[in-house]
C-alpha atoms as a PDB file:
ATOM      1  CA  UNK A   1      31.809 -50.445  38.674  1.00  0.00           C
ATOM      2  CA  UNK A   2      30.410 -46.957  38.799  1.00  0.00           C
ATOM      3  CA  UNK A   3      28.429 -44.667  36.474  1.00  0.00           C
ATOM      4  CA  UNK A   4      31.606 -43.266  34.941  1.00  0.00           C
ATOM      5  CA  UNK A   5      32.874 -46.760  34.075  1.00  0.00           C
ATOM      6  CA  UNK A   6      29.532 -47.374  32.368  1.00  0.00           C
ATOM      7  CA  UNK A   7      30.118 -44.339  30.117  1.00  0.00           C
ATOM      8  CA  UNK A   8      28.270 -41.516  31.895  1.00  0.00           C
ATOM      9  CA  UNK A   9      30.376 -38.739  33.421  1.00  0.00           C
ATOM     10  CA  UNK A  10      28.122 -36.872  35.843  1.00  0.00           C
ATOM     11  CA  UNK A  11      30.815 -34.349  36.755  1.00  0.00           C
ATOM     12  CA  UNK A  12      31.382 -33.536  33.083  1.00  0.00           C
ATOM     13  CA  UNK A  13      27.645 -32.952  32.767  1.00  0.00           C
ATOM     14  CA  UNK A  14      27.654 -30.509  35.649  1.00  0.00           C
ATOM     15  CA  UNK A  15      30.644 -28.697  34.190  1.00  0.00           C
ATOM     16  CA  UNK A  16      28.868 -28.498  30.827  1.00  0.00           C
ATOM     17  CA  UNK A  17      25.866 -26.774  32.424  1.00  0.00           C
ATOM     18  CA  UNK A  18      28.187 -24.154  33.892  1.00  0.00           C
ATOM     19  CA  UNK A  19      29.875 -23.691  30.501  1.00  0.00           C
ATOM     20  CA  UNK A  20      26.621 -22.901  28.711  1.00  0.00           C
ATOM     21  CA  UNK A  21      25.162 -20.721  31.476  1.00  0.00           C
ATOM     22  CA  UNK A  22      26.263 -17.512  29.784  1.00  0.00           C
ATOM     23  CA  UNK A  23      24.743 -18.604  26.470  1.00  0.00           C
ATOM     24  CA  UNK A  24      21.407 -19.272  28.135  1.00  0.00           C
ATOM     25  CA  UNK A  25      21.505 -15.944  29.997  1.00  0.00           C
ATOM     26  CA  UNK A  26      22.085 -14.132  26.679  1.00  0.00           C
ATOM     27  CA  UNK A  27      18.533 -15.069  25.617  1.00  0.00           C
ATOM     28  CA  UNK A  28      16.829 -14.000  28.838  1.00  0.00           C
ATOM     29  CA  UNK A  29      13.567 -12.046  28.668  1.00  0.00           C
ATOM     30  CA  UNK A  30      12.064 -10.005  31.547  1.00  0.00           C
ATOM     31  CA  UNK A  31       9.329 -12.616  32.032  1.00  0.00           C
ATOM     32  CA  UNK A  32      11.816 -15.372  32.896  1.00  0.00           C
ATOM     33  CA  UNK A  33      11.842 -16.286  36.581  1.00  0.00           C
ATOM     34  CA  UNK A  34      14.608 -18.209  38.313  1.00  0.00           C
ATOM     35  CA  UNK A  35      17.951 -19.402  37.004  1.00  0.00           C
ATOM     36  CA  UNK A  36      19.339 -22.258  34.938  1.00  0.00           C
ATOM     37  CA  UNK A  37      19.607 -25.516  36.875  1.00  0.00           C
ATOM     38  CA  UNK A  38      16.129 -25.948  38.339  1.00  0.00           C
ATOM     39  CA  UNK A  39      13.815 -28.860  37.701  1.00  0.00           C
ATOM     40  CA  UNK A  40      11.688 -26.679  35.434  1.00  0.00           C
ATOM     41  CA  UNK A  41      11.702 -23.285  33.735  1.00  0.00           C
ATOM     42  CA  UNK A  42       9.408 -20.500  34.887  1.00  0.00           C
ATOM     43  CA  UNK A  43       7.940 -17.835  32.609  1.00  0.00           C
ATOM     44  CA  UNK A  44       5.499 -15.167  33.800  1.00  0.00           C
ATOM     45  CA  UNK A  45       2.770 -14.107  31.366  1.00  0.00           C
ATOM     46  CA  UNK A  46       2.314 -10.360  31.106  1.00  0.00           C
ATOM     47  CA  UNK A  47      -1.075  -8.682  31.182  1.00  0.00           C
ATOM     48  CA  UNK A  48      -0.932  -7.217  27.660  1.00  0.00           C
ATOM     49  CA  UNK A  49      -3.252  -9.895  26.205  1.00  0.00           C
ATOM     50  CA  UNK A  50      -7.026  -9.714  26.689  1.00  0.00           C
ATOM     51  CA  UNK A  51      -7.578 -13.405  25.960  1.00  0.00           C
ATOM     52  CA  UNK A  52      -4.162 -15.065  25.700  1.00  0.00           C
ATOM     53  CA  UNK A  53      -3.754 -18.393  23.923  1.00  0.00           C
ATOM     54  CA  UNK A  54      -0.564 -20.409  24.257  1.00  0.00           C
ATOM     55  CA  UNK A  55       0.776 -21.940  21.050  1.00  0.00           C
ATOM     56  CA  UNK A  56       3.242 -24.839  21.045  1.00  0.00           C
ATOM     57  CA  UNK A  57       5.474 -26.448  18.454  1.00  0.00           C
ATOM     58  CA  UNK A  58       8.186 -29.092  18.319  1.00  0.00           C
ATOM     59  CA  UNK A  59      10.646 -30.242  15.668  1.00  0.00           C
ATOM     60  CA  UNK A  60      14.157 -31.491  15.037  1.00  0.00           C
ATOM     61  CA  UNK A  61      16.941 -31.044  12.507  1.00  0.00           C
ATOM     62  CA  UNK A  62      16.796 -34.496  10.938  1.00  0.00           C
ATOM     63  CA  UNK A  63      19.611 -36.080   8.968  1.00  0.00           C
ATOM     64  CA  UNK A  64      21.191 -32.687   8.331  1.00  0.00           C
ATOM     65  CA  UNK A  65      22.992 -33.558  11.568  1.00  0.00           C
ATOM     66  CA  UNK A  66      24.899 -36.240   9.651  1.00  0.00           C
ATOM     67  CA  UNK A  67      26.512 -33.522   7.525  1.00  0.00           C
ATOM     68  CA  UNK A  68      27.362 -31.489  10.625  1.00  0.00           C
ATOM     69  CA  UNK A  69      29.133 -34.552  12.019  1.00  0.00           C
ATOM     70  CA  UNK A  70      30.978 -35.147   8.732  1.00  0.00           C
ATOM     71  CA  UNK A  71      32.110 -31.522   8.511  1.00  0.00           C
ATOM     72  CA  UNK A  72      32.780 -31.339  12.265  1.00  0.00           C
ATOM     73  CA  UNK A  73      30.832 -28.081  12.259  1.00  0.00           C
ATOM     74  CA  UNK A  74      28.253 -27.704  14.983  1.00  0.00           C
ATOM     75  CA  UNK A  75      27.568 -23.964  15.256  1.00  0.00           C
ATOM     76  CA  UNK A  76      24.630 -23.790  12.812  1.00  0.00           C
ATOM     77  CA  UNK A  77      22.364 -26.762  13.559  1.00  0.00           C
ATOM     78  CA  UNK A  78      21.183 -25.143  16.796  1.00  0.00           C
ATOM     79  CA  UNK A  79      19.877 -22.210  14.752  1.00  0.00           C
ATOM     80  CA  UNK A  80      18.091 -24.727  12.515  1.00  0.00           C
ATOM     81  CA  UNK A  81      16.491 -26.310  15.562  1.00  0.00           C
ATOM     82  CA  UNK A  82      15.058 -23.027  16.822  1.00  0.00           C
ATOM     83  CA  UNK A  83      13.991 -21.845  13.370  1.00  0.00           C
ATOM     84  CA  UNK A  84      12.056 -25.000  12.554  1.00  0.00           C
ATOM     85  CA  UNK A  85      10.010 -24.580  15.732  1.00  0.00           C
ATOM     86  CA  UNK A  86       9.483 -20.818  15.948  1.00  0.00           C
ATOM     87  CA  UNK A  87       8.624 -20.448  12.253  1.00  0.00           C
ATOM     88  CA  UNK A  88       5.841 -23.007  12.759  1.00  0.00           C
ATOM     89  CA  UNK A  89       4.482 -21.213  15.826  1.00  0.00           C
ATOM     90  CA  UNK A  90       4.600 -17.906  13.958  1.00  0.00           C
ATOM     91  CA  UNK A  91       2.165 -19.067  11.269  1.00  0.00           C
ATOM     92  CA  UNK A  92      -0.887 -18.567  13.484  1.00  0.00           C
ATOM     93  CA  UNK A  93       0.266 -15.061  14.422  1.00  0.00           C
ATOM     94  CA  UNK A  94       1.942 -16.004  17.705  1.00  0.00           C
ATOM     95  CA  UNK A  95       5.017 -14.431  19.258  1.00  0.00           C
ATOM     96  CA  UNK A  96       7.487 -17.099  20.442  1.00  0.00           C
ATOM     97  CA  UNK A  97       8.070 -16.720  24.179  1.00  0.00           C
ATOM     98  CA  UNK A  98      10.453 -19.466  25.194  1.00  0.00           C
ATOM     99  CA  UNK A  99      12.297 -22.485  23.847  1.00  0.00           C
ATOM    100  CA  UNK A 100      13.544 -25.750  25.332  1.00  0.00           C
ATOM    101  CA  UNK A 101      15.942 -28.248  23.805  1.00  0.00           C
ATOM    102  CA  UNK A 102      16.647 -31.941  24.173  1.00  0.00           C
ATOM    103  CA  UNK A 103      20.212 -32.938  23.323  1.00  0.00           C
ATOM    104  CA  UNK A 104      21.213 -36.624  23.373  1.00  0.00           C
ATOM    105  CA  UNK A 105      24.699 -38.020  22.760  1.00  0.00           C
ATOM    106  CA  UNK A 106      26.713 -41.154  23.307  1.00  0.00           C
ATOM    107  CA  UNK A 107      29.518 -39.291  25.051  1.00  0.00           C
ATOM    108  CA  UNK A 108      29.423 -35.698  26.269  1.00  0.00           C
ATOM    109  CA  UNK A 109      31.959 -33.729  24.235  1.00  0.00           C
ATOM    110  CA  UNK A 110      31.814 -30.337  25.910  1.00  0.00           C
ATOM    111  CA  UNK A 111      33.476 -28.358  23.101  1.00  0.00           C
ATOM    112  CA  UNK A 112      31.248 -29.891  20.444  1.00  0.00           C
ATOM    113  CA  UNK A 113      27.993 -29.498  22.346  1.00  0.00           C
ATOM    114  CA  UNK A 114      28.834 -25.979  23.487  1.00  0.00           C
ATOM    115  CA  UNK A 115      28.904 -25.057  19.789  1.00  0.00           C
ATOM    116  CA  UNK A 116      25.458 -26.626  19.414  1.00  0.00           C
ATOM    117  CA  UNK A 117      24.029 -24.685  22.368  1.00  0.00           C
ATOM    118  CA  UNK A 118      25.678 -21.494  21.097  1.00  0.00           C
ATOM    119  CA  UNK A 119      23.677 -21.978  17.894  1.00  0.00           C
ATOM    120  CA  UNK A 120      20.481 -22.586  19.851  1.00  0.00           C
ATOM    121  CA  UNK A 121      21.094 -19.395  21.849  1.00  0.00           C
ATOM    122  CA  UNK A 122      21.792 -17.456  18.641  1.00  0.00           C
ATOM    123  CA  UNK A 123      18.531 -18.703  17.146  1.00  0.00           C
ATOM    124  CA  UNK A 124      16.623 -17.721  20.284  1.00  0.00           C
ATOM    125  CA  UNK A 125      18.106 -14.226  20.189  1.00  0.00           C
ATOM    126  CA  UNK A 126      17.150 -13.885  16.518  1.00  0.00           C
ATOM    127  CA  UNK A 127      13.601 -14.984  17.344  1.00  0.00           C
ATOM    128  CA  UNK A 128      13.370 -12.881  20.517  1.00  0.00           C
ATOM    129  CA  UNK A 129      12.517 -15.878  22.706  1.00  0.00           C
ATOM    130  CA  UNK A 130      14.176 -17.126  25.870  1.00  0.00           C
ATOM    131  CA  UNK A 131      16.104 -20.387  26.079  1.00  0.00           C
ATOM    132  CA  UNK A 132      14.239 -21.424  29.202  1.00  0.00           C
ATOM    133  CA  UNK A 133      15.818 -24.805  29.800  1.00  0.00           C
ATOM    134  CA  UNK A 134      16.643 -28.164  28.317  1.00  0.00           C
ATOM    135  CA  UNK A 135      17.960 -31.661  28.808  1.00  0.00           C
ATOM    136  CA  UNK A 136      21.356 -33.105  27.955  1.00  0.00           C
ATOM    137  CA  UNK A 137      21.261 -36.912  27.946  1.00  0.00           C
ATOM    138  CA  UNK A 138      24.472 -38.947  27.820  1.00  0.00           C
ATOM    139  CA  UNK A 139      23.551 -42.361  26.406  1.00  0.00           C
ATOM    140  CA  UNK A 140      26.600 -44.595  25.833  1.00  0.00           C
ATOM    141  CA  UNK A 141      26.020 -47.403  23.340  1.00  0.00           C
ATOM    142  CA  UNK A 142      23.004 -45.662  21.805  1.00  0.00           C
ATOM    143  CA  UNK A 143      24.806 -43.197  19.517  1.00  0.00           C
ATOM    144  CA  UNK A 144      28.026 -43.629  17.546  1.00  0.00           C
ATOM    145  CA  UNK A 145      31.127 -41.794  18.724  1.00  0.00           C
ATOM    146  CA  UNK A 146      30.859 -38.043  18.142  1.00  0.00           C
ATOM    147  CA  UNK A 147      27.180 -38.168  17.184  1.00  0.00           C
ATOM    148  CA  UNK A 148      24.245 -36.461  18.862  1.00  0.00           C
ATOM    149  CA  UNK A 149      20.577 -35.792  18.191  1.00  0.00           C
ATOM    150  CA  UNK A 150      18.472 -32.712  18.788  1.00  0.00           C
ATOM    151  CA  UNK A 151      14.824 -31.925  19.442  1.00  0.00           C
ATOM    152  CA  UNK A 152      13.307 -28.532  20.175  1.00  0.00           C
ATOM    153  CA  UNK A 153      10.147 -27.274  21.825  1.00  0.00           C
ATOM    154  CA  UNK A 154       8.707 -23.758  21.550  1.00  0.00           C
ATOM    155  CA  UNK A 155       5.821 -21.989  23.268  1.00  0.00           C
ATOM    156  CA  UNK A 156       4.358 -18.764  21.917  1.00  0.00           C
ATOM    157  CA  UNK A 157       1.376 -16.550  22.646  1.00  0.00           C
ATOM    158  CA  UNK A 158      -1.328 -14.813  20.649  1.00  0.00           C
ATOM    159  CA  UNK A 159      -4.523 -13.036  21.576  1.00  0.00           C
ATOM    160  CA  UNK A 160      -7.476 -15.267  20.665  1.00  0.00           C
ATOM    161  CA  UNK A 161      -9.012 -12.577  18.486  1.00  0.00           C
ATOM    162  CA  UNK A 162      -5.829 -12.389  16.391  1.00  0.00           C
ATOM    163  CA  UNK A 163      -5.291 -16.115  15.705  1.00  0.00           C
ATOM    164  CA  UNK A 164      -4.737 -16.858  12.020  1.00  0.00           C
ATOM    165  CA  UNK A 165      -6.427 -20.177  11.266  1.00  0.00           C
ATOM    166  CA  UNK A 166      -7.429 -19.913   7.597  1.00  0.00           C
ATOM    167  CA  UNK A 167     -10.805 -18.283   8.182  1.00  0.00           C
ATOM    168  CA  UNK A 168      -9.354 -14.846   7.443  1.00  0.00           C
ATOM    169  CA  UNK A 169      -8.088 -15.852   3.980  1.00  0.00           C
ATOM    170  CA  UNK A 170     -10.143 -14.564   1.049  1.00  0.00           C
ATOM    171  CA  UNK A 171     -10.240 -15.387  -2.639  1.00  0.00           C
ATOM    172  CA  UNK A 172      -8.012 -12.847  -4.364  1.00  0.00           C
ATOM    173  CA  UNK A 173      -5.467 -12.604  -1.540  1.00  0.00           C
ATOM    174  CA  UNK A 174      -1.924 -12.389  -2.854  1.00  0.00           C
ATOM    175  CA  UNK A 175       0.820 -14.860  -1.910  1.00  0.00           C
ATOM    176  CA  UNK A 176       4.027 -13.084  -0.936  1.00  0.00           C
ATOM    177  CA  UNK A 177       7.039 -15.410  -0.855  1.00  0.00           C
ATOM    178  CA  UNK A 178       9.869 -14.723   1.597  1.00  0.00           C
ATOM    179  CA  UNK A 179      13.299 -15.994   0.602  1.00  0.00           C
ATOM    180  CA  UNK A 180      14.808 -19.075   2.155  1.00  0.00           C
ATOM    181  CA  UNK A 181      18.479 -19.168   3.086  1.00  0.00           C
ATOM    182  CA  UNK A 182      18.943 -22.446   1.223  1.00  0.00           C
ATOM    183  CA  UNK A 183      17.849 -26.031   1.796  1.00  0.00           C
ATOM    184  CA  UNK A 184      16.912 -25.283   5.428  1.00  0.00           C
ATOM    185  CA  UNK A 185      16.322 -28.603   7.279  1.00  0.00           C
ATOM    186  CA  UNK A 186      14.245 -30.778   4.955  1.00  0.00           C
ATOM    187  CA  UNK A 187      15.073 -33.294   2.267  1.00  0.00           C
ATOM    188  CA  UNK A 188      18.516 -34.224   3.567  1.00  0.00           C
ATOM    189  CA  UNK A 189      18.004 -37.971   3.184  1.00  0.00           C
ATOM    190  CA  UNK A 190      17.745 -37.323  -0.565  1.00  0.00           C
ATOM    191  CA  UNK A 191      20.615 -34.823  -0.504  1.00  0.00           C
ATOM    192  CA  UNK A 192      22.889 -37.280   1.295  1.00  0.00           C
ATOM    193  CA  UNK A 193      22.008 -40.043  -1.176  1.00  0.00           C
ATOM    194  CA  UNK A 194      22.902 -37.765  -4.100  1.00  0.00           C
ATOM    195  CA  UNK A 195      26.209 -36.844  -2.461  1.00  0.00           C
ATOM    196  CA  UNK A 196      26.982 -40.522  -1.983  1.00  0.00           C
ATOM    197  CA  UNK A 197      26.033 -41.701  -5.481  1.00  0.00           C
ATOM    198  CA  UNK A 198      27.788 -38.781  -7.204  1.00  0.00           C
ATOM    199  CA  UNK A 199      30.930 -39.180  -5.060  1.00  0.00           C
ATOM    200  CA  UNK A 200      30.731 -35.495  -4.156  1.00  0.00           C
ATOM    201  CA  UNK A 201      32.824 -34.485  -1.146  1.00  0.00           C
ATOM    202  CA  UNK A 202      31.463 -31.809   1.184  1.00  0.00           C
ATOM    203  CA  UNK A 203      34.618 -29.793   0.498  1.00  0.00           C
ATOM    204  CA  UNK A 204      33.955 -29.812  -3.285  1.00  0.00           C
ATOM    205  CA  UNK A 205      32.811 -26.667  -5.048  1.00  0.00           C
ATOM    206  CA  UNK A 206      30.822 -27.920  -8.059  1.00  0.00           C
ATOM    207  CA  UNK A 207      30.420 -25.707 -11.102  1.00  0.00           C
ATOM    208  CA  UNK A 208      27.808 -23.013 -10.498  1.00  0.00           C
ATOM    209  CA  UNK A 209      28.130 -22.982  -6.695  1.00  0.00           C
ATOM    210  CA  UNK A 210      29.890 -20.085  -5.004  1.00  0.00           C
ATOM    211  CA  UNK A 211      31.007 -21.996  -1.892  1.00  0.00           C
ATOM    212  CA  UNK A 212      31.933 -25.557  -0.897  1.00  0.00           C
ATOM    213  CA  UNK A 213      28.805 -27.647  -0.965  1.00  0.00           C
ATOM    214  CA  UNK A 214      29.146 -28.552   2.713  1.00  0.00           C
ATOM    215  CA  UNK A 215      29.018 -24.861   3.658  1.00  0.00           C
ATOM    216  CA  UNK A 216      25.941 -24.282   1.497  1.00  0.00           C
ATOM    217  CA  UNK A 217      24.097 -27.282   2.895  1.00  0.00           C
ATOM    218  CA  UNK A 218      24.877 -26.305   6.490  1.00  0.00           C
ATOM    219  CA  UNK A 219      23.603 -22.742   6.014  1.00  0.00           C
ATOM    220  CA  UNK A 220      21.074 -22.402   8.864  1.00  0.00           C
ATOM    221  CA  UNK A 221      17.350 -22.067   8.373  1.00  0.00           C
ATOM    222  CA  UNK A 222      16.096 -18.495   7.993  1.00  0.00           C
ATOM    223  CA  UNK A 223      14.110 -17.131  10.933  1.00  0.00           C
ATOM    224  CA  UNK A 224      11.074 -15.056   9.932  1.00  0.00           C
ATOM    225  CA  UNK A 225       9.775 -14.067  13.361  1.00  0.00           C
ATOM    226  CA  UNK A 226      10.958 -10.482  13.765  1.00  0.00           C
ATOM    227  CA  UNK A 227      10.157  -9.237  10.215  1.00  0.00           C
ATOM    228  CA  UNK A 228       6.677 -10.792  10.306  1.00  0.00           C
ATOM    229  CA  UNK A 229       5.832  -9.574  13.813  1.00  0.00           C
ATOM    230  CA  UNK A 230       7.106  -6.114  12.834  1.00  0.00           C
ATOM    231  CA  UNK A 231       4.772  -6.165   9.832  1.00  0.00           C
ATOM    232  CA  UNK A 232       1.805  -6.975  12.051  1.00  0.00           C
ATOM    233  CA  UNK A 233       2.817  -4.332  14.585  1.00  0.00           C
ATOM    234  CA  UNK A 234       3.032  -1.766  11.789  1.00  0.00           C
ATOM    235  CA  UNK A 235      -0.579  -2.551  10.871  1.00  0.00           C
ATOM    236  CA  UNK A 236       0.130  -4.542   7.721  1.00  0.00           C
ATOM    237  CA  UNK A 237      -2.911  -6.763   7.148  1.00  0.00           C
ATOM    238  CA  UNK A 238      -1.935 -10.442   6.960  1.00  0.00           C
ATOM    239  CA  UNK A 239      -4.635 -13.061   6.436  1.00  0.00           C
ATOM    240  CA  UNK A 240      -2.555 -16.224   6.523  1.00  0.00           C
ATOM    241  CA  UNK A 241       0.954 -17.650   6.743  1.00  0.00           C
ATOM    242  CA  UNK A 242       2.723 -20.861   5.797  1.00  0.00           C
ATOM    243  CA  UNK A 243       6.142 -22.199   6.777  1.00  0.00           C
ATOM    244  CA  UNK A 244       7.523 -24.064   3.757  1.00  0.00           C
ATOM    245  CA  UNK A 245       9.134 -27.202   5.157  1.00  0.00           C
ATOM    246  CA  UNK A 246       8.989 -30.874   4.105  1.00  0.00           C
ATOM    247  CA  UNK A 247       6.546 -31.289   1.217  1.00  0.00           C
ATOM    248  CA  UNK A 248       7.444 -27.888  -0.233  1.00  0.00           C
ATOM    249  CA  UNK A 249       4.916 -25.368  -1.474  1.00  0.00           C
ATOM    250  CA  UNK A 250       2.325 -27.958  -2.658  1.00  0.00           C
ATOM    251  CA  UNK A 251       1.945 -29.500   0.796  1.00  0.00           C
ATOM    252  CA  UNK A 252       2.397 -26.520   3.094  1.00  0.00           C
ATOM    253  CA  UNK A 253       0.629 -23.618   1.397  1.00  0.00           C
ATOM    254  CA  UNK A 254      -2.835 -25.271   1.420  1.00  0.00           C
ATOM    255  CA  UNK A 255      -2.558 -25.617   5.199  1.00  0.00           C
ATOM    256  CA  UNK A 256      -3.016 -21.832   5.452  1.00  0.00           C
ATOM    257  CA  UNK A 257      -6.209 -21.699   3.352  1.00  0.00           C
ATOM    258  CA  UNK A 258      -9.908 -21.582   4.179  1.00  0.00           C
ATOM    259  CA  UNK A 259     -12.381 -24.221   2.996  1.00  0.00           C
ATOM    260  CA  UNK A 260     -13.227 -24.184  -0.714  1.00  0.00           C
ATOM    261  CA  UNK A 261      -9.993 -22.433  -1.625  1.00  0.00           C
ATOM    262  CA  UNK A 262      -6.851 -23.265  -3.573  1.00  0.00           C
ATOM    263  CA  UNK A 263      -3.841 -21.230  -4.538  1.00  0.00           C
ATOM    264  CA  UNK A 264      -2.614 -20.463  -8.051  1.00  0.00           C
ATOM    265  CA  UNK A 265       1.157 -20.047  -8.263  1.00  0.00           C
ATOM    266  CA  UNK A 266       3.164 -18.605 -11.133  1.00  0.00           C
ATOM    267  CA  UNK A 267       6.264 -20.622 -12.094  1.00  0.00           C
ATOM    268  CA  UNK A 268       9.475 -18.586 -12.482  1.00  0.00           C
ATOM    269  CA  UNK A 269       8.050 -15.757 -10.348  1.00  0.00           C
ATOM    270  CA  UNK A 270      10.943 -16.098  -7.906  1.00  0.00           C
ATOM    271  CA  UNK A 271      14.627 -17.037  -8.376  1.00  0.00           C
ATOM    272  CA  UNK A 272      15.579 -20.624  -7.528  1.00  0.00           C
ATOM    273  CA  UNK A 273      18.961 -20.709  -5.703  1.00  0.00           C
ATOM    274  CA  UNK A 274      21.783 -22.590  -7.468  1.00  0.00           C
ATOM    275  CA  UNK A 275      22.005 -25.247  -4.729  1.00  0.00           C
ATOM    276  CA  UNK A 276      18.600 -26.608  -5.782  1.00  0.00           C
ATOM    277  CA  UNK A 277      19.590 -26.601  -9.437  1.00  0.00           C
ATOM    278  CA  UNK A 278      22.688 -28.613  -8.486  1.00  0.00           C
ATOM    279  CA  UNK A 279      20.612 -31.135  -6.508  1.00  0.00           C
ATOM    280  CA  UNK A 280      18.129 -31.527  -9.368  1.00  0.00           C
ATOM    281  CA  UNK A 281      20.823 -31.883 -12.046  1.00  0.00           C
ATOM    282  CA  UNK A 282      23.219 -34.127 -10.117  1.00  0.00           C
ATOM    283  CA  UNK A 283      20.546 -36.456  -8.821  1.00  0.00           C
ATOM    284  CA  UNK A 284      18.427 -36.386 -11.994  1.00  0.00           C
ATOM    285  CA  UNK A 285      15.520 -35.507  -9.721  1.00  0.00           C
ATOM    286  CA  UNK A 286      12.235 -34.781 -11.559  1.00  0.00           C
ATOM    287  CA  UNK A 287      11.237 -31.145 -11.120  1.00  0.00           C
ATOM    288  CA  UNK A 288       7.894 -32.201  -9.626  1.00  0.00           C
ATOM    289  CA  UNK A 289       9.768 -34.141  -6.949  1.00  0.00           C
ATOM    290  CA  UNK A 290      11.961 -31.118  -6.253  1.00  0.00           C
ATOM    291  CA  UNK A 291       8.869 -28.973  -5.679  1.00  0.00           C
ATOM    292  CA  UNK A 292       7.357 -31.625  -3.404  1.00  0.00           C
ATOM    293  CA  UNK A 293      10.518 -32.099  -1.330  1.00  0.00           C
ATOM    294  CA  UNK A 294      12.360 -28.780  -0.987  1.00  0.00           C
ATOM    295  CA  UNK A 295      11.448 -25.148  -0.358  1.00  0.00           C
ATOM    296  CA  UNK A 296      13.068 -24.195  -3.705  1.00  0.00           C
ATOM    297  CA  UNK A 297      14.027 -20.753  -2.418  1.00  0.00           C
ATOM    298  CA  UNK A 298      10.737 -19.906  -0.665  1.00  0.00           C
ATOM    299  CA  UNK A 299      10.936 -20.447   3.093  1.00  0.00           C
ATOM    300  CA  UNK A 300       7.781 -18.682   4.219  1.00  0.00           C
ATOM    301  CA  UNK A 301       4.634 -17.273   2.579  1.00  0.00           C
ATOM    302  CA  UNK A 302       2.263 -14.573   3.809  1.00  0.00           C
ATOM    303  CA  UNK A 303      -1.200 -14.104   2.324  1.00  0.00           C
ATOM    304  CA  UNK A 304      -2.300 -10.474   2.110  1.00  0.00           C
ATOM    305  CA  UNK A 305      -5.107  -8.462   0.494  1.00  0.00           C
ATOM    306  CA  UNK A 306      -4.244  -7.123  -2.989  1.00  0.00           C
ATOM    307  CA  UNK A 307      -4.305  -3.557  -1.682  1.00  0.00           C
ATOM    308  CA  UNK A 308      -1.290  -4.141   0.587  1.00  0.00           C
ATOM    309  CA  UNK A 309       0.719  -6.382  -1.759  1.00  0.00           C
ATOM    310  CA  UNK A 310       3.266  -3.692  -2.679  1.00  0.00           C
ATOM    311  CA  UNK A 311       3.589  -2.483   0.917  1.00  0.00           C
ATOM    312  CA  UNK A 312       4.193  -6.042   2.136  1.00  0.00           C
ATOM    313  CA  UNK A 313       6.990  -6.622  -0.369  1.00  0.00           C
ATOM    314  CA  UNK A 314       8.576  -3.276   0.500  1.00  0.00           C
ATOM    315  CA  UNK A 315       8.380  -4.042   4.229  1.00  0.00           C
ATOM    316  CA  UNK A 316      10.204  -7.345   3.995  1.00  0.00           C
ATOM    317  CA  UNK A 317      12.803  -6.028   1.599  1.00  0.00           C
ATOM    318  CA  UNK A 318      13.467  -3.187   4.057  1.00  0.00           C
ATOM    319  CA  UNK A 319      14.212  -5.941   6.607  1.00  0.00           C
ATOM    320  CA  UNK A 320      16.839  -7.398   4.210  1.00  0.00           C
ATOM    321  CA  UNK A 321      14.501 -10.263   3.344  1.00  0.00           C
ATOM    322  CA  UNK A 322      13.893 -10.682  -0.409  1.00  0.00           C
ATOM    323  CA  UNK A 323      10.198 -11.022  -1.205  1.00  0.00           C
ATOM    324  CA  UNK A 324       8.167 -11.691  -4.345  1.00  0.00           C
ATOM    325  CA  UNK A 325       4.521 -11.917  -5.339  1.00  0.00           C
ATOM    326  CA  UNK A 326       4.109 -15.487  -6.598  1.00  0.00           C
ATOM    327  CA  UNK A 327       0.364 -16.090  -6.916  1.00  0.00           C
ATOM    328  CA  UNK A 328      -3.112 -15.657  -5.499  1.00  0.00           C
ATOM    329  CA  UNK A 329      -5.867 -17.468  -3.641  1.00  0.00           C
ATOM    330  CA  UNK A 330      -8.602 -18.875  -5.876  1.00  0.00           C
ATOM    331  CA  UNK A 331     -11.671 -21.041  -5.434  1.00  0.00           C
ATOM    332  CA  UNK A 332     -10.706 -24.687  -5.323  1.00  0.00           C
ATOM    333  CA  UNK A 333     -10.229 -27.907  -3.414  1.00  0.00           C
ATOM    334  CA  UNK A 334      -7.320 -27.095  -1.116  1.00  0.00           C
ATOM    335  CA  UNK A 335      -4.442 -27.587  -3.501  1.00  0.00           C
ATOM    336  CA  UNK A 336      -1.754 -25.704  -5.404  1.00  0.00           C
ATOM    337  CA  UNK A 337      -2.456 -24.966  -9.071  1.00  0.00           C
ATOM    338  CA  UNK A 338       0.435 -23.977 -11.321  1.00  0.00           C
ATOM    339  CA  UNK A 339      -0.612 -21.359 -13.877  1.00  0.00           C
ATOM    340  CA  UNK A 340       1.968 -22.530 -16.452  1.00  0.00           C
ATOM    341  CA  UNK A 341       4.511 -25.269 -17.036  1.00  0.00           C
ATOM    342  CA  UNK A 342       7.912 -25.105 -15.414  1.00  0.00           C
END
């Protein structure tokens, strides 16, 4: 017996590292030291920060990976992986610096996993961070044939005086919603159950949807890093930010508030993409559950003073990112208050 007989091909692993080397190099920043293949990744901090604070975040893609396996499409979930991490780090005002991934599979399929890493590299380029390193684990008997799992880890930086932690938010601040690209990477256990019960194939194009449902569901998570950092660099005053992930607006928006505050949101103040209407209708999902599970078309929210509301919307729209004013901060007990019925 040897390692290869047991299901682990060390030579294939080495060849895979060489295959993805160019993808990793495409994300390189000037602060990166060394090359791919070391025991660790090195990143030199520049001197532009007076009191630098490192900010970390980690996440995965969840059961959305099941749909990628079913569709045999692996070029988008890597973007999801990066987006879920860097969008979280962004909320405190940090610039993502570098990203690491953990990729585990039962058998190393180089073509398949190269697509995954290509997506990770694309996400890093969109976020402006370096893919500093990662781990590819071949684990025979642990995953079914053709399946893999992903986890991501991001480190960003922000000057201590510029950290957004809720204390900057004031009653009267306006909530500016930034459009999602679709379902992003949350709620897929419910989505998959609805697909199963309704006997909907991923190649189907149900009435009201412009593309096959598999394509719509695998649309990668929107990255908000560059438009938001550009807004801050341009001097646009932002008091708080929220990444709208699992739990939707009701769970995530209050995380950006100060004590004694709530947020009043106006129903129908933004367009809900057809994919959510299909999920709600096909699964007979109560609208309250939809709001508490999915982003419903709002992937990120920035809280700004009323005086810069119009400028904020114009800025994001100029970056090809639809934006809408959807409510305001009020006095309250850390919750979301709907100003009317849906």
